[in-house]
C-alpha atoms as a PDB file:
ATOM      1  CA  MET A   1     -72.922 -49.306 -21.033  1.00  0.00           C
ATOM      2  CA  ASN A   2     -70.066 -51.312 -22.592  1.00  0.00           C
ATOM      3  CA  GLN A   3     -67.465 -52.912 -21.004  1.00  0.00           C
ATOM      4  CA  LYS A   4     -64.848 -50.661 -21.461  1.00  0.00           C
ATOM      5  CA  LEU A   5     -66.873 -47.793 -20.294  1.00  0.00           C
ATOM      6  CA  LYS A   6     -67.689 -49.725 -17.075  1.00  0.00           C
ATOM      7  CA  THR A   7     -64.166 -50.351 -16.647  1.00  0.00           C
ATOM      8  CA  LEU A   8     -62.925 -46.722 -17.078  1.00  0.00           C
ATOM      9  CA  ILE A   9     -65.348 -45.736 -14.348  1.00  0.00           C
ATOM     10  CA  PHE A  10     -64.284 -48.389 -12.105  1.00  0.00           C
ATOM     11  CA  LEU A  11     -60.518 -47.322 -12.255  1.00  0.00           C
ATOM     12  CA  LEU A  12     -61.351 -43.559 -12.119  1.00  0.00           C
ATOM     13  CA  PRO A  13     -61.323 -43.421  -8.141  1.00  0.00           C
ATOM     14  CA  LEU A  14     -58.139 -45.669  -8.075  1.00  0.00           C
ATOM     15  CA  LEU A  15     -56.208 -43.545 -10.454  1.00  0.00           C
ATOM     16  CA  ALA A  16     -57.132 -40.536  -8.417  1.00  0.00           C
ATOM     17  CA  PHE A  17     -56.211 -41.882  -5.280  1.00  0.00           C
ATOM     18  CA  LEU A  18     -52.539 -42.688  -6.588  1.00  0.00           C
ATOM     19  CA  GLY A  19     -52.173 -39.495  -8.208  1.00  0.00           C
ATOM     20  CA  LEU A  20     -52.890 -37.743  -4.692  1.00  0.00           C
ATOM     21  CA  ALA A  21     -50.791 -40.241  -3.053  1.00  0.00           C
ATOM     22  CA  GLY A  22     -47.921 -39.279  -5.389  1.00  0.00           C
ATOM     23  CA  PHE A  23     -48.325 -35.709  -5.060  1.00  0.00           C
ATOM     24  CA  LEU A  24     -48.215 -35.961  -1.214  1.00  0.00           C
ATOM     25  CA  TYR A  25     -45.420 -38.194  -1.229  1.00  0.00           C
ATOM     26  CA  SER A  26     -43.355 -35.877  -3.392  1.00  0.00           C
ATOM     27  CA  GLY A  27     -44.049 -32.898  -0.857  1.00  0.00           C
ATOM     28  CA  LEU A  28     -43.186 -35.183   2.234  1.00  0.00           C
ATOM     29  CA  PHE A  29     -39.619 -35.607   1.058  1.00  0.00           C
ATOM     30  CA  SER A  30     -39.023 -32.625  -0.801  1.00  0.00           C
ATOM     31  CA  ASP A  31     -36.811 -29.824   0.761  1.00  0.00           C
ATOM     32  CA  PRO A  32     -38.452 -26.660   1.008  1.00  0.00           C
ATOM     33  CA  SER A  33     -35.072 -24.676   1.174  1.00  0.00           C
ATOM     34  CA  LYS A  34     -35.103 -25.783  -2.629  1.00  0.00           C
ATOM     35  CA  LEU A  35     -38.138 -24.083  -3.723  1.00  0.00           C
ATOM     36  CA  GLU A  36     -37.655 -21.818  -6.796  1.00  0.00           C
ATOM     37  CA  SER A  37     -39.039 -18.413  -7.183  1.00  0.00           C
ATOM     38  CA  VAL A  38     -40.795 -17.520 -10.516  1.00  0.00           C
ATOM     39  CA  LEU A  39     -39.316 -13.952  -9.797  1.00  0.00           C
ATOM     40  CA  VAL A  40     -35.663 -15.297  -9.947  1.00  0.00           C
ATOM     41  CA  GLY A  41     -34.111 -13.035 -12.610  1.00  0.00           C
ATOM     42  CA  ARG A  42     -36.762 -10.483 -12.233  1.00  0.00           C
ATOM     43  CA  GLU A  43     -36.932  -7.147 -10.257  1.00  0.00           C
ATOM     44  CA  VAL A  44     -38.529  -6.850  -7.022  1.00  0.00           C
ATOM     45  CA  PRO A  45     -42.371  -6.044  -7.429  1.00  0.00           C
ATOM     46  CA  PRO A  46     -42.987  -2.538  -6.810  1.00  0.00           C
ATOM     47  CA  PHE A  47     -44.009  -1.481  -3.422  1.00  0.00           C
ATOM     48  CA  GLU A  48     -44.497   1.288  -0.880  1.00  0.00           C
ATOM     49  CA  LEU A  49     -44.139   0.399   2.456  1.00  0.00           C
ATOM     50  CA  PRO A  50     -43.658   2.362   5.952  1.00  0.00           C
ATOM     51  CA  ASP A  51     -40.373   1.910   7.838  1.00  0.00           C
ATOM     52  CA  LEU A  52     -40.393  -0.104  10.748  1.00  0.00           C
ATOM     53  CA  TYR A  53     -39.036   2.447  13.200  1.00  0.00           C
ATOM     54  CA  ASN A  54     -40.696   5.466  11.480  1.00  0.00           C
ATOM     55  CA  PRO A  55     -44.192   5.118  10.503  1.00  0.00           C
ATOM     56  CA  ASP A  56     -44.189   8.317   8.854  1.00  0.00           C
ATOM     57  CA  GLN A  57     -41.164   7.588   6.442  1.00  0.00           C
ATOM     58  CA  THR A  58     -42.082   5.124   3.536  1.00  0.00           C
ATOM     59  CA  HIS A  59     -39.570   3.184   1.280  1.00  0.00           C
ATOM     60  CA  ASP A  60     -40.252   1.871  -2.103  1.00  0.00           C
ATOM     61  CA  GLN A  61     -38.441  -0.272  -4.521  1.00  0.00           C
ATOM     62  CA  SER A  62     -35.686   2.422  -5.378  1.00  0.00           C
ATOM     63  CA  ILE A  63     -34.100   1.264  -2.185  1.00  0.00           C
ATOM     64  CA  LEU A  64     -33.356  -2.171  -3.784  1.00  0.00           C
ATOM     65  CA  GLY A  65     -30.059  -1.936  -5.900  1.00  0.00           C
ATOM     66  CA  GLY A  66     -27.004   0.302  -6.427  1.00  0.00           C
ATOM     67  CA  GLU A  67     -25.034  -2.737  -4.676  1.00  0.00           C
ATOM     68  CA  PRO A  68     -25.784  -6.287  -4.303  1.00  0.00           C
ATOM     69  CA  MET A  69     -27.919  -7.087  -1.020  1.00  0.00           C
ATOM     70  CA  LEU A  70     -29.733  -9.555   1.224  1.00  0.00           C
ATOM     71  CA  LEU A  71     -33.681  -9.226   1.580  1.00  0.00           C
ATOM     72  CA  ASN A  72     -34.455 -10.829   4.722  1.00  0.00           C
ATOM     73  CA  VAL A  73     -38.331 -11.817   5.488  1.00  0.00           C
ATOM     74  CA  TRP A  74     -38.902 -12.177   9.378  1.00  0.00           C
ATOM     75  CA  ALA A  75     -41.024 -11.977  11.993  1.00  0.00           C
ATOM     76  CA  THR A  76     -40.989 -11.875  15.853  1.00  0.00           C
ATOM     77  CA  TRP A  77     -43.789 -14.998  15.986  1.00  0.00           C
ATOM     78  CA  CYS A  78     -41.295 -16.891  13.895  1.00  0.00           C
ATOM     79  CA  PRO A  79     -38.757 -19.365  16.189  1.00  0.00           C
ATOM     80  CA  THR A  80     -36.509 -19.893  13.201  1.00  0.00           C
ATOM     81  CA  CYS A  81     -35.955 -16.364  12.670  1.00  0.00           C
ATOM     82  CA  TYR A  82     -34.998 -16.084  16.214  1.00  0.00           C
ATOM     83  CA  ALA A  83     -32.392 -19.087  15.296  1.00  0.00           C
ATOM     84  CA  GLU A  84     -31.094 -17.220  12.412  1.00  0.00           C
ATOM     85  CA  HIS A  85     -30.650 -13.893  14.060  1.00  0.00           C
ATOM     86  CA  THR A  86     -27.267 -14.044  15.501  1.00  0.00           C
ATOM     87  CA  PHE A  87     -25.642 -15.311  12.238  1.00  0.00           C
ATOM     88  CA  LEU A  88     -27.547 -12.217  10.320  1.00  0.00           C
ATOM     89  CA  ASN A  89     -25.732  -9.860  12.806  1.00  0.00           C
ATOM     90  CA  THR A  90     -22.338 -11.722  11.909  1.00  0.00           C
ATOM     91  CA  LEU A  91     -22.964 -10.971   8.476  1.00  0.00           C
ATOM     92  CA  ARG A  92     -23.788  -7.425   9.123  1.00  0.00           C
ATOM     93  CA  GLU A  93     -20.487  -7.149  10.842  1.00  0.00           C
ATOM     94  CA  GLU A  94     -18.858  -8.422   7.576  1.00  0.00           C
ATOM     95  CA  GLY A  95     -20.282  -5.727   5.734  1.00  0.00           C
ATOM     96  CA  VAL A  96     -23.178  -7.371   3.878  1.00  0.00           C
ATOM     97  CA  TYR A  97     -25.954  -5.049   3.420  1.00  0.00           C
ATOM     98  CA  ILE A  98     -29.147  -6.533   4.487  1.00  0.00           C
ATOM     99  CA  ILE A  99     -32.774  -4.953   4.155  1.00  0.00           C
ATOM    100  CA  GLY A 100     -35.390  -6.403   6.626  1.00  0.00           C
ATOM    101  CA  LEU A 101     -39.018  -7.066   5.609  1.00  0.00           C
ATOM    102  CA  ASN A 102     -40.899  -7.675   8.666  1.00  0.00           C
ATOM    103  CA  TYR A 103     -43.844  -9.864   7.766  1.00  0.00           C
ATOM    104  CA  LYS A 104     -47.331  -9.652   9.475  1.00  0.00           C
ATOM    105  CA  ASP A 105     -46.414  -8.653  12.914  1.00  0.00           C
ATOM    106  CA  ASP A 106     -49.292  -7.320  14.450  1.00  0.00           C
ATOM    107  CA  SER A 107     -47.409  -5.192  16.955  1.00  0.00           C
ATOM    108  CA  ARG A 108     -45.026  -2.769  15.564  1.00  0.00           C
ATOM    109  CA  ALA A 109     -43.324  -2.026  19.061  1.00  0.00           C
ATOM    110  CA  ALA A 110     -42.926  -5.890  19.586  1.00  0.00           C
ATOM    111  CA  ALA A 111     -40.781  -5.925  16.104  1.00  0.00           C
ATOM    112  CA  VAL A 112     -38.682  -3.053  17.280  1.00  0.00           C
ATOM    113  CA  ASN A 113     -38.400  -4.393  20.916  1.00  0.00           C
ATOM    114  CA  TRP A 114     -37.196  -7.839  19.436  1.00  0.00           C
ATOM    115  CA  LEU A 115     -34.525  -5.995  17.258  1.00  0.00           C
ATOM    116  CA  GLN A 116     -33.469  -4.008  20.358  1.00  0.00           C
ATOM    117  CA  GLU A 117     -32.778  -6.955  22.301  1.00  0.00           C
ATOM    118  CA  LEU A 118     -31.052  -9.062  20.020  1.00  0.00           C
ATOM    119  CA  ASP A 119     -29.413  -6.454  17.816  1.00  0.00           C
ATOM    120  CA  ASP A 120     -30.511  -5.255  14.292  1.00  0.00           C
ATOM    121  CA  PRO A 121     -28.862  -6.385  11.383  1.00  0.00           C
ATOM    122  CA  TYR A 122     -30.711  -4.389   8.909  1.00  0.00           C
ATOM    123  CA  GLN A 123     -29.623  -1.511   7.250  1.00  0.00           C
ATOM    124  CA  ILE A 124     -33.518  -0.848   6.339  1.00  0.00           C
ATOM    125  CA  ASN A 125     -36.604  -2.427   7.819  1.00  0.00           C
ATOM    126  CA  LEU A 126     -39.842  -2.244   6.135  1.00  0.00           C
ATOM    127  CA  PHE A 127     -43.028  -2.888   7.969  1.00  0.00           C
ATOM    128  CA  ASP A 128     -45.135  -5.147   5.782  1.00  0.00           C
ATOM    129  CA  GLN A 129     -47.874  -5.846   8.430  1.00  0.00           C
ATOM    130  CA  THR A 130     -50.515  -7.173   5.757  1.00  0.00           C
ATOM    131  CA  GLY A 131     -47.922  -9.162   3.870  1.00  0.00           C
ATOM    132  CA  MET A 132     -48.929  -7.594   0.448  1.00  0.00           C
ATOM    133  CA  LEU A 133     -45.116  -7.334  -0.755  1.00  0.00           C
ATOM    134  CA  ALA A 134     -44.168 -11.034   0.732  1.00  0.00           C
ATOM    135  CA  LEU A 135     -47.447 -12.036  -1.229  1.00  0.00           C
ATOM    136  CA  ASP A 136     -46.063 -10.442  -4.326  1.00  0.00           C
ATOM    137  CA  LEU A 137     -42.753 -11.990  -3.712  1.00  0.00           C
ATOM    138  CA  GLY A 138     -44.323 -15.542  -3.455  1.00  0.00           C
ATOM    139  CA  VAL A 139     -43.015 -15.777   0.397  1.00  0.00           C
ATOM    140  CA  TYR A 140     -43.672 -19.177   1.272  1.00  0.00           C
ATOM    141  CA  GLY A 141     -43.108 -18.444   4.932  1.00  0.00           C
ATOM    142  CA  ALA A 142     -40.631 -16.865   7.419  1.00  0.00           C
ATOM    143  CA  PRO A 143     -37.563 -16.784   7.279  1.00  0.00           C
ATOM    144  CA  GLU A 144     -36.765 -16.083   3.619  1.00  0.00           C
ATOM    145  CA  THR A 145     -33.819 -14.438   2.001  1.00  0.00           C
ATOM    146  CA  TYR A 146     -33.480 -13.157  -1.293  1.00  0.00           C
ATOM    147  CA  VAL A 147     -30.139 -12.064  -2.860  1.00  0.00           C
ATOM    148  CA  ILE A 148     -30.679  -8.959  -5.222  1.00  0.00           C
ATOM    149  CA  ASP A 149     -27.943  -7.725  -7.680  1.00  0.00           C
ATOM    150  CA  ALA A 150     -26.966  -4.271  -7.906  1.00  0.00           C
ATOM    151  CA  ASP A 151     -29.403  -3.720 -10.830  1.00  0.00           C
ATOM    152  CA  GLY A 152     -32.257  -4.620  -8.224  1.00  0.00           C
ATOM    153  CA  ILE A 153     -32.762  -8.182  -9.927  1.00  0.00           C
ATOM    154  CA  ILE A 154     -33.520 -11.192  -7.671  1.00  0.00           C
ATOM    155  CA  LEU A 155     -30.800 -13.802  -8.162  1.00  0.00           C
ATOM    156  CA  HIS A 156     -31.730 -16.517  -5.651  1.00  0.00           C
ATOM    157  CA  ARG A 157     -34.442 -17.307  -2.984  1.00  0.00           C
ATOM    158  CA  HIS A 158     -33.621 -19.206   0.307  1.00  0.00           C
ATOM    159  CA  VAL A 159     -36.347 -20.767   2.023  1.00  0.00           C
ATOM    160  CA  GLY A 160     -35.574 -21.512   5.788  1.00  0.00           C
ATOM    161  CA  ASP A 161     -33.037 -19.931   8.096  1.00  0.00           C
ATOM    162  CA  MET A 162     -29.696 -18.460   7.087  1.00  0.00           C
ATOM    163  CA  ASN A 163     -26.590 -20.242   8.597  1.00  0.00           C
ATOM    164  CA  GLU A 164     -23.168 -20.843   8.119  1.00  0.00           C
ATOM    165  CA  ARG A 165     -23.700 -23.755   5.926  1.00  0.00           C
ATOM    166  CA  VAL A 166     -26.307 -22.482   3.777  1.00  0.00           C
ATOM    167  CA  TRP A 167     -24.138 -19.203   3.408  1.00  0.00           C
ATOM    168  CA  GLN A 168     -20.980 -20.691   2.607  1.00  0.00           C
ATOM    169  CA  GLN A 169     -22.175 -23.432   0.190  1.00  0.00           C
ATOM    170  CA  THR A 170     -24.719 -21.482  -1.611  1.00  0.00           C
ATOM    171  CA  VAL A 171     -25.561 -17.803  -0.712  1.00  0.00           C
ATOM    172  CA  ALA A 172     -22.077 -16.474  -0.409  1.00  0.00           C
ATOM    173  CA  PRO A 173     -20.858 -17.427  -3.866  1.00  0.00           C
ATOM    174  CA  ILE A 174     -24.079 -15.780  -5.519  1.00  0.00           C
ATOM    175  CA  PHE A 175     -23.847 -12.610  -3.301  1.00  0.00           C
ATOM    176  CA  TYR A 176     -20.061 -11.969  -3.951  1.00  0.00           C
ATOM    177  CA  ARG A 177     -19.853 -13.064  -7.868  1.00  0.00           C
ATOM    178  CA  ALA A 178     -22.819  -9.955  -7.904  1.00  0.00           C
ATOM    179  CA  ARG A 179     -20.441  -7.878  -6.146  1.00  0.00           C
ATOM    180  CA  LEU A 180     -17.470  -8.854  -8.554  1.00  0.00           C
ATOM    181  CA  GLN A 181     -19.571  -8.031 -11.454  1.00  0.00           C
ATOM    182  CA  ALA A 182     -20.712  -4.944  -9.890  1.00  0.00           C
ATOM    183  CA  GLY A 183     -16.925  -4.016  -9.608  1.00  0.00           C
ATOM    184  CA  LEU A 184     -16.943  -3.897  -5.879  1.00  0.00           C
ATOM    185  CA  SER A 185     -14.526  -5.368  -3.456  1.00  0.00           C
ATOM    186  CA  VAL A 186     -14.896  -8.637  -2.306  1.00  0.00           C
ATOM    187  CA  PRO A 187     -13.138 -10.171   0.829  1.00  0.00           C
ATOM    188  CA  GLU A 188      -9.901 -12.142   0.044  1.00  0.00           C
ATOM    189  CA  ALA A 189     -11.553 -15.055   2.086  1.00  0.00           C
ATOM    190  CA  TYR A 190     -14.530 -15.178  -0.477  1.00  0.00           C
ATOM    191  CA  ARG A 191     -12.871 -14.316  -3.837  1.00  0.00           C
ATOM    192  CA  HIS A 192     -12.321 -17.943  -4.652  1.00  0.00           C
ATOM    193  CA  LEU A 193     -16.095 -18.659  -4.026  1.00  0.00           C
ATOM    194  CA  ALA A 194     -17.115 -15.660  -6.217  1.00  0.00           C
ATOM    195  CA  ARG A 195     -14.797 -17.223  -9.153  1.00  0.00           C
ATOM    196  CA  ASP A 196     -15.914 -20.657  -8.710  1.00  0.00           C
ATOM    197  CA  SER A 197     -19.426 -19.489  -9.053  1.00  0.00           C
ATOM    198  CA  GLU A 198     -18.860 -17.101 -12.013  1.00  0.00           C
ATOM    199  CA  GLN A 199     -17.234 -20.170 -14.117  1.00  0.00           C
ATOM    200  CA  GLY A 200     -20.213 -22.149 -13.258  1.00  0.00           C
ATOM    201  CA  GLY A 201     -18.459 -24.391 -10.367  1.00  0.00           C
ATOM    202  CA  ILE A 202     -21.434 -23.386  -7.411  1.00  0.00           C
ATOM    203  CA  ASP A 203     -24.486 -25.257  -7.939  1.00  0.00           C
ATOM    204  CA  GLU A 204     -27.277 -22.689  -7.071  1.00  0.00           C
END
């Protein structure tokens, strides 16, 4: 065995360790809310899921589109979902159309009770007990929120809770720009955000 081969064999474990350490270090300091989705710019994958309230009623991808909307992934076992729920109710009161995707809840009744107690911000609630649609979306965990335009195209993915800061700085400009492009009304308070976003002034 020549000297170069011996040196290479000696260095391989060290190089593997350094590579693993670098990967773990980058993950430690990464912001999960910045995770991109490979589906941004594409339609939501086809699905057929039961309604949370009415198991005899099913919904498919035709419910997405017609107007910009949010698709919010939530679950009763998710403490962060509880934390964001009040703000989602606020968005509903402001006229934001939200579809809920209940993710891997074992009990439909528990999910319904949760919404009855905390109020329901969703226009439609999908019951994804097996997590198949969430898997197709590449869901990292609950909660996650997707901005979908009037053509059913995913414009943006946010991982983590939806709150005032995230809404104002990132999601609202994208959402209201989509409404502007669809020829729909935009509240006066958000028109400047929509226009700035359309002109490239908002970092998505």
